[in-house]
Protein backbone atom coordinates (compact mmCIF):
# COMPACT_ATOMS: atom_id res chain seq x y z
CA MET A 1 12.27 -22.46 -19.96
CA THR A 2 8.97 -22.30 -18.45
CA GLU A 3 9.83 -21.08 -14.96
CA ALA A 4 8.10 -18.16 -13.39
CA LYS A 5 10.24 -14.95 -12.80
CA THR A 6 10.36 -13.84 -9.22
CA SER A 7 9.51 -9.88 -9.22
CA LEU A 8 12.22 -7.74 -7.93
CA LYS A 9 9.64 -4.98 -6.81
CA ARG A 10 8.58 -4.55 -3.22
CA THR A 11 4.93 -5.20 -2.35
CA LEU A 12 3.40 -3.66 0.92
CA VAL A 13 -0.47 -4.26 2.06
CA GLY A 14 -2.38 -1.54 3.78
CA LYS A 15 -5.60 0.45 4.49
CA VAL A 16 -6.84 3.22 2.17
CA VAL A 17 -7.12 6.17 4.19
CA SER A 18 -7.98 8.51 1.53
CA ASP A 19 -9.37 8.21 -2.11
CA LYS A 20 -10.11 11.85 -2.61
CA ARG A 21 -7.53 12.56 -5.38
CA ALA A 22 -8.38 11.79 -9.01
CA LYS A 23 -6.34 8.26 -9.89
CA THR A 24 -4.61 8.26 -6.51
CA VAL A 25 -5.08 6.74 -2.98
CA THR A 26 -3.37 7.16 -0.07
CA VAL A 27 -2.23 3.99 1.82
CA LEU A 28 -1.27 3.58 5.44
CA VAL A 29 0.96 0.81 6.19
CA GLU A 30 1.70 -0.35 9.51
CA ARG A 31 4.63 -2.42 10.66
CA ARG A 32 5.41 -3.76 14.15
CA VAL A 33 9.03 -3.61 15.36
CA LYS A 34 11.22 -4.19 18.42
CA HIS A 35 12.39 -1.04 19.99
CA PRO A 36 16.17 -1.26 19.69
CA ILE A 37 16.77 -0.33 23.38
CA TYR A 38 13.52 -1.22 25.52
CA GLY A 39 12.83 -4.19 23.57
CA LYS A 40 9.07 -3.50 23.49
CA ILE A 41 6.99 -4.16 20.34
CA VAL A 42 6.07 -0.71 18.70
CA ALA A 43 3.55 -0.28 15.99
CA LYS A 44 5.41 2.04 13.36
CA SER A 45 3.43 3.68 10.39
CA SER A 46 3.87 5.07 6.79
CA LYS A 47 1.67 6.52 4.32
CA TYR A 48 2.29 5.84 0.65
CA HIS A 49 0.29 7.49 -2.34
CA ALA A 50 -0.54 4.71 -5.14
CA HIS A 51 -1.63 4.91 -8.53
CA ASP A 52 -5.33 3.71 -9.04
CA ALA A 53 -6.16 4.35 -12.41
CA ASN A 54 -9.47 3.20 -12.47
CA GLY A 55 -10.65 4.21 -9.13
CA GLU A 56 -11.62 0.80 -8.06
CA PHE A 57 -9.99 1.44 -4.43
CA HIS A 58 -12.03 3.17 -1.76
CA LEU A 59 -11.78 4.22 2.05
CA GLY A 60 -11.23 1.39 4.38
CA ASP A 61 -10.19 -1.19 1.77
CA VAL A 62 -7.16 -3.24 2.62
CA ILE A 63 -5.05 -3.12 -0.57
CA GLU A 64 -1.82 -4.47 -1.96
CA ILE A 65 0.69 -1.94 -3.52
CA THR A 66 3.87 -2.53 -5.58
CA GLU A 67 6.83 -0.48 -5.92
CA SER A 68 7.28 1.20 -9.67
CA ARG A 69 8.49 4.07 -11.66
CA PRO A 70 8.00 7.37 -10.26
CA ILE A 71 4.33 8.24 -11.62
CA SER A 72 4.32 11.90 -10.18
CA LYS A 73 6.36 13.71 -7.40
CA THR A 74 5.09 11.73 -4.71
CA LYS A 75 3.65 8.66 -6.47
CA ASN A 76 5.95 5.70 -7.10
CA TRP A 77 3.53 2.87 -6.14
CA VAL A 78 0.69 1.09 -7.80
CA ALA A 79 -2.27 -0.36 -6.34
CA THR A 80 -2.37 -3.96 -7.63
CA ARG A 81 -5.08 -6.20 -5.81
CA LEU A 82 -7.85 -5.72 -3.22
CA VAL A 83 -7.08 -7.95 -0.18
CA GLN A 84 -10.25 -7.12 1.56
CA LYS A 85 -13.27 -4.95 1.21
CA ALA A 86 -14.21 -2.15 3.72
CA ALA A 87 -17.01 -3.08 5.90
CA MET A 88 -20.24 -1.30 5.34
CA VAL A 89 -21.47 0.53 8.53
């Protein structure tokens, strides 16, 4: 059997809004959902703390995070890959 196993872990893509903590980045994930009553498309957002062991992701980067075991009280996501580097101003 040489079939690739599909991962059961959730993955999300979001923007790094804070990289001040050691080995941790705060990622803002936005999603667009339809309002249940009014039918308007509304942007909802959530912030996640993700483990960044090497400190390779910085403010403004768009990254992918993957669900993992609890690493600390608030951290149970791991930063897996860089989707887009932050634009230099």
